[in-house]
Amino acid sequence: MKLYPALAIAVAGTLGACSNSSAPTLTAAATPAAAPATPVAAPAAQNCIGLRQIRESRVRSDSVIDFVMLDGSILRSTLPNACPQLGFERAFTYATSLSQLCSTDIITVIVQGGGVRRGASCGLGQFVPISPEAAAAPIAAK
């Protein structure tokens, strides 16, 4: 018998010759109600991430950057304010004396075309774990 969350299905009869009279029948039996699901805490936001753990960064908009980590996890930084041209240029730089990137660090947009120029400088937000589905979903315009 294979149990499913809300329904148990039992196969009665024998598997013999293929005739309607000996065909197995399915019966449903109620199972006790499952205990209420324990709420799962939202993934904790991080203030810093190790630079060596970052595989790539994906600029999603003027205010959202996804960081893909070496272990496959994705951390989203939502900037406190929109950073002009970040979503269009999709390139930024940062300077840090630490081996980590933190929500207090400043990124600078790299403006391409006619030579590389520095654009707006903007603060990062905390790094929040997200699912691959959330990372693939379109970002709503503000």
C-alpha atoms as a PDB file:
ATOM      1  CA  MET A   1       0.000   0.000   0.000  1.00  0.00           C
ATOM      2  CA  LYS A   2       1.354   3.418  -0.918  1.00  0.00           C
ATOM      3  CA  LEU A   3       0.323   6.310   1.322  1.00  0.00           C
ATOM      4  CA  TYR A   4      -0.346   9.785   0.009  1.00  0.00           C
ATOM      5  CA  PRO A   5      -0.727  12.858   2.220  1.00  0.00           C
ATOM      6  CA  ALA A   6      -4.520  12.959   2.328  1.00  0.00           C
ATOM      7  CA  LEU A   7      -5.527   9.596   0.878  1.00  0.00           C
ATOM      8  CA  ALA A   8      -4.451   5.987   1.190  1.00  0.00           C
ATOM      9  CA  ILE A   9      -4.995   3.843  -1.887  1.00  0.00           C
ATOM     10  CA  ALA A  10      -5.189   0.088  -1.499  1.00  0.00           C
ATOM     11  CA  VAL A  11      -5.136  -2.338  -4.386  1.00  0.00           C
ATOM     12  CA  ALA A  12      -7.468  -5.261  -3.727  1.00  0.00           C
ATOM     13  CA  GLY A  13      -7.508  -8.414  -5.795  1.00  0.00           C
ATOM     14  CA  THR A  14      -4.818 -10.378  -7.492  1.00  0.00           C
ATOM     15  CA  LEU A  15      -2.923  -9.734 -10.645  1.00  0.00           C
ATOM     16  CA  GLY A  16      -3.717 -12.696 -12.834  1.00  0.00           C
ATOM     17  CA  ALA A  17      -5.171 -13.074 -16.255  1.00  0.00           C
ATOM     18  CA  CYS A  18      -6.319  -9.905 -17.932  1.00  0.00           C
ATOM     19  CA  SER A  19     -10.039 -10.120 -17.471  1.00  0.00           C
ATOM     20  CA  ASN A  20     -12.489  -7.667 -16.006  1.00  0.00           C
ATOM     21  CA  SER A  21     -13.546 -10.045 -13.242  1.00  0.00           C
ATOM     22  CA  SER A  22     -10.058 -10.368 -11.800  1.00  0.00           C
ATOM     23  CA  ALA A  23      -8.954  -6.776 -12.377  1.00  0.00           C
ATOM     24  CA  PRO A  24      -7.713  -5.005  -9.274  1.00  0.00           C
ATOM     25  CA  THR A  25     -10.068  -2.486  -7.733  1.00  0.00           C
ATOM     26  CA  LEU A  26      -9.076   0.721  -6.041  1.00  0.00           C
ATOM     27  CA  THR A  27     -10.553   1.712  -2.727  1.00  0.00           C
ATOM     28  CA  ALA A  28      -9.945   4.935  -0.867  1.00  0.00           C
ATOM     29  CA  ALA A  29      -9.474   4.928   2.860  1.00  0.00           C
ATOM     30  CA  ALA A  30      -9.379   8.090   4.889  1.00  0.00           C
ATOM     31  CA  THR A  31      -6.222   8.699   6.832  1.00  0.00           C
ATOM     32  CA  PRO A  32      -5.979  10.742   9.980  1.00  0.00           C
ATOM     33  CA  ALA A  33      -5.586  14.447   9.391  1.00  0.00           C
ATOM     34  CA  ALA A  34      -1.970  15.438   9.196  1.00  0.00           C
ATOM     35  CA  ALA A  35      -0.580  17.661  11.883  1.00  0.00           C
ATOM     36  CA  PRO A  36      -0.577  21.317  10.889  1.00  0.00           C
ATOM     37  CA  ALA A  37       2.523  22.270   8.985  1.00  0.00           C
ATOM     38  CA  THR A  38       5.092  24.092  11.023  1.00  0.00           C
ATOM     39  CA  PRO A  39       5.733  27.479   9.431  1.00  0.00           C
ATOM     40  CA  VAL A  40       9.148  27.672   7.849  1.00  0.00           C
ATOM     41  CA  ALA A  41      11.060  30.810   8.707  1.00  0.00           C
ATOM     42  CA  ALA A  42      11.952  33.034   5.794  1.00  0.00           C
ATOM     43  CA  PRO A  43      15.604  32.706   4.809  1.00  0.00           C
ATOM     44  CA  ALA A  44      17.719  35.114   6.790  1.00  0.00           C
ATOM     45  CA  ALA A  45      19.124  38.120   5.010  1.00  0.00           C
ATOM     46  CA  GLN A  46      22.889  38.466   5.117  1.00  0.00           C
ATOM     47  CA  ASN A  47      24.795  41.698   5.514  1.00  0.00           C
ATOM     48  CA  CYS A  48      27.926  40.395   3.749  1.00  0.00           C
ATOM     49  CA  ILE A  49      28.934  37.687   1.270  1.00  0.00           C
ATOM     50  CA  GLY A  50      32.408  36.321   0.598  1.00  0.00           C
ATOM     51  CA  LEU A  51      33.929  37.603  -2.650  1.00  0.00           C
ATOM     52  CA  ARG A  52      35.437  34.195  -3.439  1.00  0.00           C
ATOM     53  CA  GLN A  53      32.001  32.581  -3.123  1.00  0.00           C
ATOM     54  CA  ILE A  54      30.443  34.704  -5.903  1.00  0.00           C
ATOM     55  CA  ARG A  55      30.234  32.884  -9.252  1.00  0.00           C
ATOM     56  CA  GLU A  56      28.506  35.705 -11.129  1.00  0.00           C
ATOM     57  CA  SER A  57      26.305  38.740 -10.698  1.00  0.00           C
ATOM     58  CA  ARG A  58      23.185  39.455 -12.728  1.00  0.00           C
ATOM     59  CA  VAL A  59      21.858  42.987 -12.878  1.00  0.00           C
ATOM     60  CA  ARG A  60      18.072  42.697 -13.043  1.00  0.00           C
ATOM     61  CA  SER A  61      17.072  46.368 -12.910  1.00  0.00           C
ATOM     62  CA  ASP A  62      18.171  49.760 -11.607  1.00  0.00           C
ATOM     63  CA  SER A  63      17.577  48.484  -8.086  1.00  0.00           C
ATOM     64  CA  VAL A  64      18.043  44.676  -8.119  1.00  0.00           C
ATOM     65  CA  ILE A  65      21.205  42.569  -8.452  1.00  0.00           C
ATOM     66  CA  ASP A  66      21.240  38.774  -8.105  1.00  0.00           C
ATOM     67  CA  PHE A  67      24.470  37.133  -6.964  1.00  0.00           C
ATOM     68  CA  VAL A  68      24.875  33.494  -8.002  1.00  0.00           C
ATOM     69  CA  MET A  69      27.110  31.728  -5.519  1.00  0.00           C
ATOM     70  CA  LEU A  70      29.513  28.836  -6.117  1.00  0.00           C
ATOM     71  CA  ASP A  71      27.183  26.453  -4.272  1.00  0.00           C
ATOM     72  CA  GLY A  72      24.359  27.323  -6.696  1.00  0.00           C
ATOM     73  CA  SER A  73      22.389  29.468  -4.252  1.00  0.00           C
ATOM     74  CA  ILE A  74      21.172  32.889  -5.362  1.00  0.00           C
ATOM     75  CA  LEU A  75      21.271  35.964  -3.152  1.00  0.00           C
ATOM     76  CA  ARG A  76      19.331  39.070  -4.156  1.00  0.00           C
ATOM     77  CA  SER A  77      20.410  42.563  -3.193  1.00  0.00           C
ATOM     78  CA  THR A  78      17.649  45.128  -3.542  1.00  0.00           C
ATOM     79  CA  LEU A  79      19.241  48.547  -3.456  1.00  0.00           C
ATOM     80  CA  PRO A  80      17.616  51.061  -1.102  1.00  0.00           C
ATOM     81  CA  ASN A  81      17.365  53.524  -4.021  1.00  0.00           C
ATOM     82  CA  ALA A  82      17.335  53.060  -7.774  1.00  0.00           C
ATOM     83  CA  CYS A  83      20.774  53.396  -9.328  1.00  0.00           C
ATOM     84  CA  PRO A  84      20.584  55.369 -12.599  1.00  0.00           C
ATOM     85  CA  GLN A  85      21.692  53.438 -15.701  1.00  0.00           C
ATOM     86  CA  LEU A  86      22.435  50.218 -13.775  1.00  0.00           C
ATOM     87  CA  GLY A  87      19.594  48.291 -15.433  1.00  0.00           C
ATOM     88  CA  PHE A  88      20.574  49.558 -18.893  1.00  0.00           C
ATOM     89  CA  GLU A  89      24.345  49.102 -18.635  1.00  0.00           C
ATOM     90  CA  ARG A  90      24.134  45.901 -16.573  1.00  0.00           C
ATOM     91  CA  ALA A  91      27.701  46.418 -15.364  1.00  0.00           C
ATOM     92  CA  PHE A  92      29.156  47.738 -12.141  1.00  0.00           C
ATOM     93  CA  THR A  93      32.352  47.829 -10.139  1.00  0.00           C
ATOM     94  CA  TYR A  94      33.111  48.059  -6.462  1.00  0.00           C
ATOM     95  CA  ALA A  95      36.111  48.572  -4.225  1.00  0.00           C
ATOM     96  CA  THR A  96      36.498  46.876  -0.879  1.00  0.00           C
ATOM     97  CA  SER A  97      39.474  46.290   1.385  1.00  0.00           C
ATOM     98  CA  LEU A  98      37.781  43.217   2.846  1.00  0.00           C
ATOM     99  CA  SER A  99      37.351  39.754   1.378  1.00  0.00           C
ATOM    100  CA  GLN A 100      33.604  40.264   1.352  1.00  0.00           C
ATOM    101  CA  LEU A 101      30.966  42.456  -0.235  1.00  0.00           C
ATOM    102  CA  CYS A 102      28.617  44.041   2.278  1.00  0.00           C
ATOM    103  CA  SER A 103      25.289  45.867   2.229  1.00  0.00           C
ATOM    104  CA  THR A 104      27.155  48.982   3.358  1.00  0.00           C
ATOM    105  CA  ASP A 105      29.429  48.929   0.276  1.00  0.00           C
ATOM    106  CA  ILE A 106      29.021  51.240  -2.706  1.00  0.00           C
ATOM    107  CA  ILE A 107      28.868  50.043  -6.316  1.00  0.00           C
ATOM    108  CA  THR A 108      29.589  52.254  -9.327  1.00  0.00           C
ATOM    109  CA  VAL A 109      27.860  51.775 -12.675  1.00  0.00           C
ATOM    110  CA  ILE A 110      30.211  51.205 -15.610  1.00  0.00           C
ATOM    111  CA  VAL A 111      28.982  53.236 -18.587  1.00  0.00           C
ATOM    112  CA  GLN A 112      30.086  51.631 -21.840  1.00  0.00           C
ATOM    113  CA  GLY A 113      30.279  53.142 -25.306  1.00  0.00           C
ATOM    114  CA  GLY A 114      32.810  55.716 -26.439  1.00  0.00           C
ATOM    115  CA  GLY A 115      35.179  54.304 -23.841  1.00  0.00           C
ATOM    116  CA  VAL A 116      34.507  53.083 -20.349  1.00  0.00           C
ATOM    117  CA  ARG A 117      33.268  55.757 -17.955  1.00  0.00           C
ATOM    118  CA  ARG A 118      32.073  55.710 -14.383  1.00  0.00           C
ATOM    119  CA  GLY A 119      28.402  56.340 -13.799  1.00  0.00           C
ATOM    120  CA  ALA A 120      26.311  56.692 -10.668  1.00  0.00           C
ATOM    121  CA  SER A 121      27.490  55.295  -7.344  1.00  0.00           C
ATOM    122  CA  CYS A 122      24.898  53.563  -5.187  1.00  0.00           C
ATOM    123  CA  GLY A 123      24.628  51.587  -1.971  1.00  0.00           C
ATOM    124  CA  LEU A 124      23.837  47.881  -1.917  1.00  0.00           C
ATOM    125  CA  GLY A 125      21.047  46.283   0.091  1.00  0.00           C
ATOM    126  CA  GLN A 126      21.115  43.143   2.211  1.00  0.00           C
ATOM    127  CA  PHE A 127      21.608  39.808   0.474  1.00  0.00           C
ATOM    128  CA  VAL A 128      18.424  37.726   0.637  1.00  0.00           C
ATOM    129  CA  PRO A 129      18.314  34.074  -0.488  1.00  0.00           C
ATOM    130  CA  ILE A 130      15.842  33.480  -3.336  1.00  0.00           C
ATOM    131  CA  SER A 131      14.775  30.447  -5.350  1.00  0.00           C
ATOM    132  CA  PRO A 132      15.853  29.872  -8.966  1.00  0.00           C
ATOM    133  CA  GLU A 133      12.195  30.446  -9.947  1.00  0.00           C
ATOM    134  CA  ALA A 134      12.183  33.849  -8.264  1.00  0.00           C
ATOM    135  CA  ALA A 135      15.487  34.695  -9.954  1.00  0.00           C
ATOM    136  CA  ALA A 136      14.014  33.838 -13.364  1.00  0.00           C
ATOM    137  CA  ALA A 137      10.781  35.815 -12.818  1.00  0.00           C
ATOM    138  CA  PRO A 138      10.501  39.277 -14.357  1.00  0.00           C
ATOM    139  CA  ILE A 139      11.260  42.205 -12.073  1.00  0.00           C
ATOM    140  CA  ALA A 140       8.309  44.551 -11.642  1.00  0.00           C
ATOM    141  CA  ALA A 141       9.045  48.119 -12.652  1.00  0.00           C
ATOM    142  CA  LYS A 142       8.741  50.677  -9.886  1.00  0.00           C
END
